[in-house]
Protein backbone atom coordinates (compact mmCIF):
# COMPACT_ATOMS: atom_id res chain seq x y z
CA MET A 1 14.91 3.68 -14.36
CA THR A 2 16.97 5.96 -12.12
CA ASP A 3 17.60 8.26 -15.09
CA ARG A 4 13.84 8.81 -15.46
CA LEU A 5 13.42 9.52 -11.77
CA SER A 6 16.32 11.99 -11.80
CA GLU A 7 15.12 13.74 -14.98
CA SER A 8 11.62 14.04 -13.51
CA ALA A 9 13.13 15.60 -10.38
CA ARG A 10 15.05 18.12 -12.49
CA ARG A 11 11.78 19.11 -14.18
CA ILE A 12 10.27 19.57 -10.72
CA GLU A 13 13.15 21.87 -9.83
CA ALA A 14 12.45 23.88 -13.00
CA GLY A 15 8.75 24.17 -12.15
CA GLU A 16 7.70 21.97 -15.11
CA TYR A 17 5.33 19.85 -13.08
CA ASP A 18 3.26 18.39 -15.93
CA THR A 19 6.41 17.24 -17.73
CA ALA A 20 7.73 15.76 -14.49
CA GLN A 21 4.57 13.65 -14.18
CA ARG A 22 4.57 12.56 -17.84
CA LEU A 23 8.14 11.26 -17.54
CA LEU A 24 6.89 8.79 -14.93
CA THR A 25 3.69 7.90 -16.78
CA ALA A 26 4.17 7.59 -20.55
CA GLY A 27 6.21 4.45 -21.24
CA TYR A 28 7.39 4.09 -17.64
CA ASP A 29 5.50 0.86 -16.96
CA ARG A 30 6.81 -0.72 -20.16
CA GLN A 31 10.37 0.32 -19.37
CA LEU A 32 9.96 -1.08 -15.85
CA ALA A 33 8.74 -4.41 -17.27
CA LEU A 34 11.78 -4.63 -19.56
CA TYR A 35 14.08 -3.70 -16.69
CA MET A 36 12.59 -6.45 -14.51
CA GLU A 37 13.13 -9.02 -17.28
CA VAL A 38 16.82 -8.14 -17.31
CA TYR A 39 16.89 -8.10 -13.50
CA ARG A 40 15.42 -11.61 -13.34
CA THR A 41 17.92 -12.88 -15.89
CA ALA A 42 21.10 -11.12 -14.83
CA VAL A 43 20.68 -10.51 -11.09
CA THR A 44 18.39 -13.00 -9.37
CA THR A 45 15.61 -15.50 -9.97
CA ASP A 46 14.37 -15.13 -6.39
CA LEU A 47 10.70 -14.28 -6.99
CA GLU A 48 10.35 -12.41 -3.68
CA ARG A 49 13.37 -10.18 -4.42
CA VAL A 50 12.11 -9.53 -7.94
CA GLU A 51 8.66 -8.51 -6.69
CA GLN A 52 10.16 -6.26 -4.00
CA ARG A 53 12.35 -4.56 -6.60
CA GLU A 54 9.46 -4.01 -8.99
CA THR A 55 7.27 -2.66 -6.19
CA LEU A 56 10.04 -0.28 -5.09
CA PHE A 57 10.32 1.36 -8.51
CA ALA A 58 6.54 1.46 -9.02
CA GLU A 59 5.92 3.08 -5.62
CA THR A 60 8.74 5.60 -6.07
CA ALA A 61 7.36 6.73 -9.42
CA ALA A 62 3.82 7.01 -8.02
CA LEU A 63 5.01 9.09 -5.07
CA GLN A 64 7.10 11.37 -7.26
CA ARG A 65 4.13 11.92 -9.60
CA ARG A 66 2.00 12.77 -6.57
CA TYR A 67 4.70 15.15 -5.34
CA ALA A 68 4.75 16.99 -8.67
CA GLU A 69 0.95 17.16 -8.70
CA ARG A 70 0.84 18.69 -5.20
CA LEU A 71 3.48 21.24 -6.20
CA SER A 72 1.35 22.21 -9.18
CA THR A 73 -1.61 22.71 -6.84
CA TYR A 74 0.58 24.71 -4.45
CA GLN A 75 1.58 27.02 -7.31
CA ARG A 76 -2.08 27.61 -8.22
CA ILE A 77 -3.20 28.27 -4.62
CA ALA A 78 -0.22 30.56 -3.99
CA ALA A 79 -1.25 32.68 -6.98
CA ALA A 80 -4.81 32.84 -5.61
CA TYR A 81 -3.42 33.91 -2.23
CA GLU A 82 -1.48 36.78 -3.81
CA ARG A 83 -4.59 37.94 -5.71
CA ALA A 84 -6.62 37.93 -2.48
CA ARG A 85 -3.94 40.03 -0.78
CA GLN A 86 -3.94 42.49 -3.69
CA ASP A 87 -7.74 42.73 -3.49
CA ASP A 88 -7.46 43.32 0.28
CA ASP A 89 -9.76 40.32 0.82
CA HIS A 90 -8.45 39.18 4.21
CA GLY A 91 -10.87 36.28 4.63
CA ARG A 92 -10.08 34.80 1.23
CA ALA A 93 -6.36 35.23 1.85
CA GLN A 94 -6.68 33.34 5.13
CA ARG A 95 -8.49 30.46 3.44
CA ARG A 96 -5.77 30.21 0.81
CA ALA A 97 -3.06 30.36 3.50
CA ARG A 98 -4.70 27.43 5.30
CA GLU A 99 -4.76 25.47 2.04
CA LEU A 100 -1.06 26.22 1.48
CA ARG A 101 -0.29 24.98 4.99
CA ASN A 102 -2.13 21.70 4.33
CA ILE A 103 -0.38 21.20 0.99
CA THR A 104 3.00 21.89 2.60
CA SER A 105 2.28 19.20 5.18
CA ASP A 106 1.46 16.76 2.34
CA LEU A 107 4.71 17.66 0.56
CA ARG A 108 6.75 16.91 3.68
CA ASP A 109 5.03 13.53 4.15
CA ILE A 110 5.66 12.57 0.52
CA GLU A 111 9.26 13.81 0.68
CA GLN A 112 9.97 11.60 3.69
CA SER A 113 8.51 8.53 1.94
CA LEU A 114 10.47 9.30 -1.24
CA THR A 115 13.74 9.72 0.66
CA LEU A 116 13.47 6.20 2.10
CA ARG A 117 12.85 4.75 -1.36
CA TYR A 118 15.64 6.75 -2.99
CA GLN A 119 18.00 5.29 -0.39
CA ALA A 120 16.77 1.74 -1.04
CA ILE A 121 17.23 2.17 -4.80
CA GLY A 122 20.69 3.67 -4.37
CA GLU A 123 21.87 0.78 -2.20
CA THR A 124 21.24 -1.82 -4.91
CA THR A 125 21.50 0.07 -8.20
CA ASP A 126 24.41 1.52 -10.14
CA GLY A 127 22.28 4.51 -11.16
CA ALA A 128 22.24 7.18 -8.45
CA THR A 129 19.16 8.96 -7.10
CA VAL A 130 21.13 11.45 -5.00
CA SER A 131 20.18 14.38 -7.22
CA ALA A 132 16.48 13.49 -7.10
CA SER A 133 16.58 13.18 -3.32
CA SER A 134 18.35 16.54 -2.91
CA ILE A 135 15.93 18.33 -5.22
CA VAL A 136 12.85 17.00 -3.44
CA THR A 137 14.23 17.83 0.03
CA GLU A 138 15.29 21.36 -0.94
CA THR A 139 11.99 22.02 -2.72
CA THR A 140 9.98 20.94 0.31
CA THR A 141 12.03 23.13 2.65
CA ASP A 142 11.54 26.11 0.32
CA ARG A 143 7.75 25.65 0.26
CA GLU A 144 7.66 25.40 4.05
CA ARG A 145 9.53 28.70 4.33
CA ARG A 146 7.22 30.44 1.84
CA THR A 147 4.12 29.10 3.56
CA ALA A 148 5.28 30.28 6.99
CA VAL A 149 5.73 33.82 5.63
CA ARG A 150 2.28 33.86 4.03
CA VAL A 151 0.54 32.46 7.09
CA ARG A 152 2.11 35.10 9.33
CA GLU A 153 0.94 37.80 6.92
CA VAL A 154 -2.73 37.00 7.54
CA TYR A 155 -2.78 35.39 11.00
CA THR A 156 -1.89 36.73 14.44
CA VAL A 157 0.97 35.09 16.31
CA THR A 158 0.08 33.88 19.82
CA ALA A 159 2.02 32.69 22.87
CA VAL A 160 0.90 30.59 25.81
CA ALA A 161 2.56 30.44 29.24
CA ALA A 162 1.40 28.10 32.02
CA GLU A 163 2.26 26.18 35.18
CA ALA A 164 0.83 23.01 36.74
CA SER A 165 -0.02 21.91 40.27
CA PRO A 166 2.76 19.81 41.85
CA ASN A 167 0.94 16.51 41.32
CA GLY A 168 -2.38 14.99 40.40
CA SER A 169 -4.26 12.03 38.94
CA PHE A 170 -7.47 11.22 37.10
CA THR A 171 -9.50 11.33 40.31
CA GLU A 172 -7.60 14.40 41.61
CA PRO A 173 -7.02 16.42 38.42
CA ILE A 174 -3.84 18.37 37.74
CA ARG A 175 -4.68 22.09 37.66
CA LEU A 176 -3.16 24.06 34.78
CA THR A 177 -3.17 27.87 35.00
CA GLY A 178 -1.72 30.33 32.51
CA ARG A 179 -2.07 33.23 30.11
CA LEU A 180 -2.67 33.36 26.35
CA THR A 181 -1.36 36.44 24.52
CA ALA A 182 -1.53 37.71 20.93
CA GLU A 183 1.06 39.77 19.07
CA GLY A 184 -0.14 43.38 18.68
CA THR A 185 -3.78 42.76 19.58
CA ASP A 186 -6.16 41.33 22.17
CA PRO A 187 -5.86 37.58 22.81
CA PRO A 188 -8.66 35.15 21.99
CA SER A 189 -11.22 34.95 24.80
CA GLY A 190 -14.38 33.06 25.72
CA ASN A 191 -14.52 29.31 25.07
CA VAL A 192 -11.06 28.39 23.77
CA SER A 193 -9.72 24.97 22.75
CA PHE A 194 -6.46 23.49 24.04
CA ARG A 195 -4.74 20.13 23.80
CA VAL A 196 -3.06 18.68 26.87
CA ASN A 197 -0.82 15.73 26.02
CA GLY A 198 -3.02 15.24 22.95
CA GLN A 199 -6.26 15.32 24.95
CA ALA A 200 -8.72 17.94 23.63
CA LEU A 201 -10.02 20.28 26.34
CA THR A 202 -12.08 23.49 26.29
CA THR A 203 -11.96 26.21 28.91
CA THR A 204 -12.87 29.86 29.38
CA VAL A 205 -10.17 32.43 28.61
CA GLU A 206 -10.71 35.81 30.26
CA PRO A 207 -10.35 39.06 28.26
CA ASP A 208 -6.88 39.51 29.75
CA GLY A 209 -5.88 36.05 28.48
CA THR A 210 -5.81 34.21 31.81
CA PHE A 211 -7.26 30.71 32.07
CA ALA A 212 -7.41 27.61 34.27
CA LEU A 213 -8.30 24.06 33.29
CA PRO A 214 -8.21 20.65 34.97
CA TYR A 215 -6.26 17.82 33.34
CA ARG A 216 -7.18 14.21 34.11
CA PRO A 217 -4.39 11.91 32.85
CA VAL A 218 -5.53 8.60 31.34
CA THR A 219 -2.73 7.04 29.29
CA ALA A 220 0.20 9.12 30.60
CA THR A 221 3.06 7.40 32.44
CA ARG A 222 2.97 7.54 36.23
CA GLY A 223 5.67 9.64 37.94
CA PRO A 224 7.46 12.89 37.03
CA ALA A 225 6.18 14.16 33.70
CA ARG A 226 6.44 16.99 31.20
CA ILE A 227 2.97 17.91 29.97
CA SER A 228 2.45 19.54 26.59
CA LEU A 229 -0.12 22.37 26.49
CA THR A 230 -1.14 23.65 23.04
CA TYR A 231 -3.55 26.42 22.05
CA THR A 232 -5.50 25.04 19.06
CA PRO A 233 -7.56 27.69 17.23
CA ASP A 234 -10.21 26.47 14.80
CA ASP A 235 -9.87 27.10 11.06
CA ALA A 236 -11.99 30.25 11.20
CA ALA A 237 -9.89 31.89 13.92
CA LEU A 238 -7.46 34.73 13.16
CA TYR A 239 -4.74 33.29 15.38
CA LEU A 240 -1.86 30.85 15.00
CA PRO A 241 -1.39 27.92 17.41
CA SER A 242 1.12 28.15 20.25
CA GLN A 243 2.55 25.58 22.66
CA THR A 244 4.41 25.24 25.96
CA ASP A 245 5.43 22.49 28.42
CA VAL A 246 4.82 22.27 32.17
CA SER A 247 6.19 19.91 34.84
CA THR A 248 4.23 17.86 37.38
CA VAL A 249 4.03 14.40 38.97
CA ILE A 250 1.31 11.98 37.83
CA THR A 251 -0.10 9.60 40.44
CA GLN A 252 -2.18 6.51 39.73
CA SER A 253 -5.95 6.06 40.06
CA THR A 254 -7.81 2.74 40.16
CA PRO A 255 -10.76 2.71 37.75
CA SER A 256 -13.94 0.66 37.86
CA LEU A 257 -14.99 -1.41 34.85
CA SER A 258 -18.42 -2.90 34.22
CA ILE A 259 -19.68 -5.50 31.75
CA ASP A 260 -23.30 -4.54 31.16
CA THR A 261 -24.07 -6.87 28.24
CA SER A 262 -22.15 -9.83 26.86
CA SER A 263 -22.66 -12.72 24.43
CA ALA A 264 -23.43 -16.01 26.17
CA GLN A 265 -22.56 -18.29 23.24
CA ALA A 266 -20.14 -18.19 20.33
CA SER A 267 -18.88 -20.34 17.48
CA ALA A 268 -16.19 -19.94 14.86
CA GLY A 269 -16.98 -16.93 12.68
CA SER A 270 -19.91 -15.73 14.79
CA SER A 271 -20.21 -12.22 16.20
CA VAL A 272 -19.28 -11.71 19.85
CA THR A 273 -20.56 -8.55 21.54
CA THR A 274 -19.65 -6.99 24.87
CA ALA A 275 -20.41 -3.53 26.25
CA GLY A 276 -19.87 -1.61 29.47
CA VAL A 277 -18.48 1.54 31.11
CA VAL A 278 -15.17 2.63 32.65
CA THR A 279 -15.34 5.12 35.54
CA ALA A 280 -13.11 6.38 38.37
CA ASP A 281 -14.79 7.59 41.55
CA GLY A 282 -17.99 7.88 39.52
CA THR A 283 -16.43 10.03 36.78
CA PRO A 284 -16.54 8.54 33.25
CA VAL A 285 -13.05 7.85 31.85
CA PRO A 286 -12.81 8.91 28.18
CA ASN A 287 -10.22 7.56 25.72
CA ALA A 288 -9.27 4.64 27.97
CA SER A 289 -7.85 1.60 26.18
CA VAL A 290 -10.05 -1.49 26.68
CA THR A 291 -9.03 -5.03 25.70
CA LEU A 292 -11.17 -8.14 25.13
CA ARG A 293 -9.45 -11.49 25.78
CA ILE A 294 -10.03 -15.20 26.16
CA GLY A 295 -7.12 -16.54 28.15
CA GLU A 296 -3.97 -14.95 26.70
CA LYS A 297 -5.52 -14.44 23.27
CA VAL A 298 -6.54 -10.86 22.46
CA LEU A 299 -9.82 -10.81 20.52
CA ASP A 300 -10.14 -7.04 20.08
CA GLU A 301 -9.15 -3.63 21.42
CA THR A 302 -11.07 -0.36 21.55
CA ARG A 303 -11.26 2.94 23.44
CA THR A 304 -13.97 4.44 25.58
CA ASN A 305 -15.99 7.35 24.22
CA GLY A 306 -16.62 10.68 25.94
CA THR A 307 -19.02 9.08 28.42
CA GLY A 308 -16.60 6.27 29.35
CA ALA A 309 -18.60 3.65 27.42
CA TYR A 310 -17.00 0.89 25.36
CA GLN A 311 -18.45 -1.69 22.98
CA PHE A 312 -17.06 -4.74 21.17
CA ASP A 313 -18.57 -6.50 18.18
CA THR A 314 -15.91 -8.86 16.90
CA ARG A 315 -15.69 -12.04 14.82
CA PHE A 316 -14.98 -15.06 17.00
CA PRO A 317 -11.82 -16.97 15.94
CA ALA A 318 -11.69 -20.68 15.20
CA ASN A 319 -8.62 -21.48 17.30
CA ILE A 320 -10.35 -21.38 20.69
CA SER A 321 -11.45 -24.72 22.09
CA ALA A 322 -15.10 -25.62 22.34
CA GLY A 323 -16.70 -25.68 25.78
CA ARG A 324 -16.97 -23.22 28.63
CA GLN A 325 -14.55 -20.29 28.36
CA THR A 326 -13.98 -17.13 30.38
CA MET A 327 -14.08 -13.87 28.46
CA SER A 328 -12.13 -11.05 30.09
CA VAL A 329 -12.43 -7.28 29.59
CA SER A 330 -9.59 -5.15 30.97
CA THR A 331 -8.42 -1.54 31.10
CA GLY A 332 -5.48 0.34 32.62
CA ARG A 333 -1.83 -0.65 32.62
CA THR A 334 0.93 -1.00 35.18
CA GLY A 335 3.01 2.17 35.40
CA THR A 336 0.39 4.48 33.89
CA ALA A 337 -2.20 6.91 35.25
CA LEU A 338 -4.82 4.11 35.42
CA ALA A 339 -4.11 0.92 37.36
CA PRO A 340 -4.99 -2.33 35.55
CA VAL A 341 -8.42 -3.82 36.32
CA SER A 342 -10.54 -6.49 34.63
CA GLU A 343 -13.95 -8.14 34.70
CA ASP A 344 -14.96 -11.60 33.47
CA ALA A 345 -17.98 -13.10 31.76
CA ASP A 346 -18.79 -16.73 30.94
CA LEU A 347 -18.94 -17.80 27.30
CA THR A 348 -19.97 -21.15 25.86
CA VAL A 349 -18.03 -21.97 22.70
CA GLU A 350 -19.92 -24.34 20.42
CA GLU A 351 -18.25 -26.86 18.14
CA THR A 352 -18.67 -26.10 14.43
CA PRO A 353 -19.03 -28.98 11.92
CA THR A 354 -16.91 -28.57 8.79
CA ARG A 355 -16.75 -30.10 5.33
CA LEU A 356 -14.02 -30.30 2.72
CA THR A 357 -14.55 -30.42 -1.03
CA LEU A 358 -11.94 -31.60 -3.49
CA SER A 359 -11.27 -31.25 -7.20
CA ALA A 360 -8.24 -33.11 -8.57
CA VAL A 361 -6.85 -32.79 -12.10
CA ARG A 362 -4.17 -35.26 -13.11
CA SER A 363 -1.69 -34.17 -15.75
CA GLU A 364 1.65 -35.61 -16.81
CA GLY A 365 3.82 -35.73 -13.71
CA ALA A 366 1.54 -33.76 -11.34
CA VAL A 367 -1.87 -33.50 -9.71
CA ASN A 368 -3.56 -30.10 -9.42
CA VAL A 369 -5.73 -29.99 -6.30
CA ALA A 370 -8.39 -27.43 -5.32
CA GLY A 371 -11.41 -27.22 -3.06
CA ARG A 372 -13.05 -25.42 -0.15
CA LEU A 373 -13.28 -25.75 3.61
CA VAL A 374 -16.80 -24.75 4.66
CA THR A 375 -19.29 -24.99 7.50
CA GLU A 376 -22.65 -26.75 7.29
CA SER A 377 -24.15 -23.49 6.03
CA GLU A 378 -21.55 -23.34 3.23
CA SER A 379 -19.73 -20.39 4.81
CA GLY A 380 -16.07 -20.41 3.86
CA ILE A 381 -13.46 -20.86 6.60
CA GLY A 382 -10.31 -18.87 5.93
CA GLY A 383 -6.83 -19.01 7.39
CA GLU A 384 -6.81 -22.76 8.10
CA ALA A 385 -4.26 -25.37 7.00
CA VAL A 386 -5.29 -28.17 4.63
CA VAL A 387 -2.87 -31.10 4.25
CA VAL A 388 -2.75 -32.81 0.84
CA SER A 389 -1.53 -36.42 0.64
CA ILE A 390 -0.74 -38.55 -2.41
CA ASP A 391 -0.91 -42.33 -1.98
CA GLY A 392 -0.89 -41.89 1.80
CA GLU A 393 2.15 -39.61 1.91
CA GLN A 394 1.77 -35.98 3.03
CA ARG A 395 3.00 -33.86 0.13
CA ALA A 396 1.73 -30.30 0.68
CA THR A 397 0.14 -27.98 3.24
CA VAL A 398 -1.90 -25.05 1.92
CA GLN A 399 -3.78 -22.30 3.76
CA THR A 400 -7.38 -21.51 2.91
CA THR A 401 -8.26 -18.03 1.66
CA ALA A 402 -10.97 -15.81 3.13
CA ASP A 403 -13.74 -17.72 1.30
CA GLY A 404 -12.36 -21.09 2.42
CA SER A 405 -10.86 -22.07 -0.93
CA TYR A 406 -7.47 -23.73 -1.35
CA GLN A 407 -5.41 -24.92 -4.28
CA THR A 408 -1.99 -26.39 -4.91
CA SER A 409 -0.08 -28.55 -7.38
CA VAL A 410 1.74 -31.70 -6.24
CA GLU A 411 4.39 -33.40 -8.35
CA LEU A 412 4.07 -37.15 -8.64
CA SER A 413 6.96 -39.38 -7.65
CA ASN A 414 8.42 -41.93 -10.04
CA ALA A 415 6.41 -44.56 -8.21
CA SER A 416 3.18 -42.74 -9.07
CA ASN A 417 3.76 -42.40 -12.78
CA ALA A 418 1.19 -42.24 -15.53
CA SER A 419 0.68 -46.01 -15.55
CA ASN A 420 -0.57 -46.20 -11.97
CA ALA A 421 -3.76 -45.14 -10.23
CA VAL A 422 -3.25 -42.37 -7.67
CA SER A 423 -5.15 -41.69 -4.44
CA VAL A 424 -5.53 -38.07 -3.32
CA ARG A 425 -6.54 -36.98 0.17
CA ALA A 426 -7.15 -33.52 1.65
CA ALA A 427 -7.49 -33.21 5.41
CA PHE A 428 -8.19 -30.44 7.91
CA ASP A 429 -7.25 -30.97 11.56
CA GLY A 430 -9.49 -28.95 13.83
CA GLY A 431 -7.62 -30.00 16.96
CA GLY A 432 -7.07 -27.18 19.43
CA GLY A 433 -10.02 -25.13 18.22
CA SER A 434 -13.80 -25.20 17.92
CA LEU A 435 -13.84 -26.48 14.32
CA GLU A 436 -14.42 -30.18 13.76
CA SER A 437 -11.88 -32.04 11.65
CA ALA A 438 -12.75 -33.12 8.12
CA SER A 439 -11.15 -35.03 5.27
CA VAL A 440 -11.97 -35.98 1.70
CA SER A 441 -10.40 -38.55 -0.62
CA ALA A 442 -10.43 -39.38 -4.32
CA ALA A 443 -8.80 -41.98 -6.57
CA LEU A 444 -7.51 -40.99 -10.00
CA ALA A 445 -7.34 -43.57 -12.78
CA PRO A 446 -4.16 -43.91 -14.85
CA LEU A 447 -3.80 -41.49 -17.74
CA GLY A 448 -5.20 -42.67 -21.06
CA GLU A 449 -7.71 -45.23 -19.74
CA GLY A 450 -11.16 -45.33 -21.28
CA PRO A 451 -12.37 -45.44 -24.90
CA PHE A 452 -11.19 -41.88 -25.55
CA PRO A 453 -7.69 -41.53 -24.05
CA VAL A 454 -6.94 -38.01 -22.86
CA ASP A 455 -4.08 -36.30 -21.08
CA MET A 456 -6.17 -35.24 -18.07
CA ARG A 457 -8.73 -36.68 -15.67
CA THR A 458 -10.84 -34.17 -13.71
CA LEU A 459 -12.51 -35.22 -10.49
CA THR A 460 -14.93 -32.65 -9.06
CA ILE A 461 -16.69 -33.02 -5.75
CA ALA A 462 -20.45 -32.20 -5.82
CA LEU A 463 -23.38 -32.68 -3.50
CA VAL A 464 -25.08 -35.81 -4.85
CA THR A 465 -26.14 -39.11 -3.37
CA GLY A 466 -26.02 -42.58 -4.75
CA VAL A 467 -23.80 -43.78 -7.57
CA ILE A 468 -23.05 -42.06 -10.86
CA ALA A 469 -21.74 -44.60 -13.28
CA LEU A 470 -21.16 -44.41 -17.01
CA GLY A 471 -21.06 -47.34 -19.37
CA THR A 472 -17.38 -47.89 -20.06
CA GLY A 473 -13.84 -46.96 -19.12
CA GLY A 474 -12.17 -45.95 -15.90
CA PHE A 475 -13.64 -43.99 -13.05
CA GLY A 476 -12.61 -41.88 -10.03
CA ILE A 477 -13.51 -42.56 -6.48
CA TYR A 478 -14.43 -39.95 -3.90
CA ARG A 479 -14.64 -40.51 -0.24
CA TYR A 480 -15.71 -37.93 2.38
CA ARG A 481 -15.51 -38.41 6.08
CA ARG A 482 -15.11 -36.41 9.27
CA ASP A 483 -12.57 -37.56 11.82
CA ASP A 484 -14.05 -39.74 14.56
CA LYS A 485 -17.64 -38.66 13.80
CA PRO A 486 -20.26 -39.90 11.34
CA SER A 487 -21.52 -37.37 8.82
CA ALA A 488 -25.10 -37.70 9.99
CA GLY A 489 -27.32 -34.94 8.74
CA LEU A 490 -24.98 -33.98 5.91
CA PRO A 491 -25.50 -35.10 2.30
CA SER A 492 -23.04 -37.48 0.70
CA ASP A 493 -20.62 -36.04 -1.85
CA ALA A 494 -19.58 -37.75 -5.06
CA ILE A 495 -17.37 -37.13 -8.04
CA GLN A 496 -18.96 -35.70 -11.14
CA PRO A 497 -17.84 -37.26 -14.46
CA ASP A 498 -15.38 -35.29 -16.54
CA SER A 499 -17.37 -33.43 -19.20
CA VAL A 500 -14.58 -34.08 -21.71
CA ASP A 501 -14.11 -37.80 -21.16
CA PRO A 502 -17.34 -39.81 -20.72
CA ALA A 503 -15.31 -42.75 -19.48
CA VAL A 504 -14.86 -41.14 -16.04
CA ALA A 505 -17.50 -41.96 -13.42
CA GLY A 506 -17.76 -41.24 -9.71
CA VAL A 507 -18.91 -43.24 -6.71
CA PRO A 508 -18.95 -42.67 -2.97
CA SER A 509 -16.59 -44.83 -0.96
CA VAL A 510 -18.01 -48.13 0.26
CA GLY A 511 -17.18 -50.18 3.33
CA ASP A 512 -17.56 -53.67 4.73
CA GLY A 513 -20.04 -52.65 7.40
CA ASP A 514 -17.57 -52.60 10.30
CA GLY A 515 -16.08 -49.19 9.60
CA GLY A 516 -13.26 -50.43 7.36
CA GLY A 517 -13.91 -48.55 4.14
CA THR A 518 -12.72 -50.00 0.80
CA ASP A 519 -12.49 -48.25 -2.52
CA ALA A 520 -13.52 -49.79 -5.81
CA ASP A 521 -10.64 -50.95 -7.99
CA PRO A 522 -10.22 -48.38 -10.79
CA SER A 523 -9.16 -51.10 -13.20
CA SER A 524 -12.06 -53.45 -12.59
CA GLY A 525 -14.46 -52.07 -15.16
CA PRO A 526 -18.00 -50.88 -14.43
CA VAL A 527 -18.68 -49.75 -10.86
CA ARG A 528 -21.03 -51.69 -8.58
CA GLN A 529 -22.28 -50.07 -5.37
CA GLU A 530 -22.35 -52.42 -2.41
CA ASP A 531 -25.18 -52.25 0.09
CA THR A 532 -22.90 -51.26 2.96
CA HIS A 533 -22.05 -48.03 4.77
CA ASP A 534 -18.75 -46.35 5.65
């Protein structure tokens, strides 16, 4: 594998970009698959390590192909740039120079990602990737040098000099004054864009290049600070950017935060909305970080827009207890230009009923279990733990996926061999959150019972009521219940017969009327439903 990467890099060095890409496309995936087979056999059977190794080689090849493709594009755009220069088409040459600058930035990003992966491969592989790493680094540096020359040929170099007032804050802005100059020509004037510590600002530059602009710090650290000031021409300008630093002291302002609208109720999975404004002495605070919490749990984070407004629309989590809760919105942070402040709003969290479904397939030595955790409206509940028990013993814990589904396979103990009936139970504990608990049970008959012995029994939970019973053979038993609460308002669930083996029948669990549920004996022949309730 390292030989292919190195050979591809050598083709890159020679300018054979198509060949460099083909070396990491044609047959590469097959060779990687063969390599991983050997790796699994000779090095490790650790599935996680194997997957990481395979991903490393796949990502490295994809990045190197992308690198070769961008170099090919660079070559084409560079030729177009030279033609524009020969035709004395200054505007077209500038456009091509901007494209070359963007491609060069891409090349540097890819080179940095490749270098990390070359190092990881070299640490655990006999084959070296040193040559590939050196070629990619040197090639990127060369393109950066060429691009800088071409850009300077069609753009005017600028310089910015400035100074700041001794101190300031958001409410008492720091005043920046300075001069913008251009090499060999007049500087840009009129409305000109700058960035101050990453904050975009526009001010008027006089014909002689002088300017003044106020800077209101929002996220900067309080105390002595070096502020970055950058002239940022737009793509159509004839000038290059320039940058300088100035010194000042940032003092803290205390903002005001309002909650103008807020959800009054919420339940697991529902949308919670909150909106308001952040100001300081009546001035809107843009780009301020705003956090939405319940207790110590962060629900969401956002930033204010240009008018200081913020808005949340977030999915409410299931792990917050039902009842009255306090929702908090905060902004600012200790030690920064904005002091921390917060506002609260009441929120009623409603309890959400849940239901578990269960499908159990018994095979020799194991039971394959699957199902879903859903709400009354059949919406799946993801990210929750379902505990699977066999004959009353907890044997597995599995997390539900985004649609609420879960599946696992549980090996049977010697005591639960093919000659014995097996009870299966799946349970969800909603304690500590707003979801109600739920559980579901089923009994699997011994393998081979019934007039047509088979190697598997399938028990599938479905929404039916009453008793489904077939004439002969064994049957499975399904029982659904919610912890500590009756399932009033919800339909009963029962097991559907296995479509392969007509000897399997399903019944709901039955009880003795005082809450002590009993299951029918799977060896007792035809099922009889008792006139009692669980």
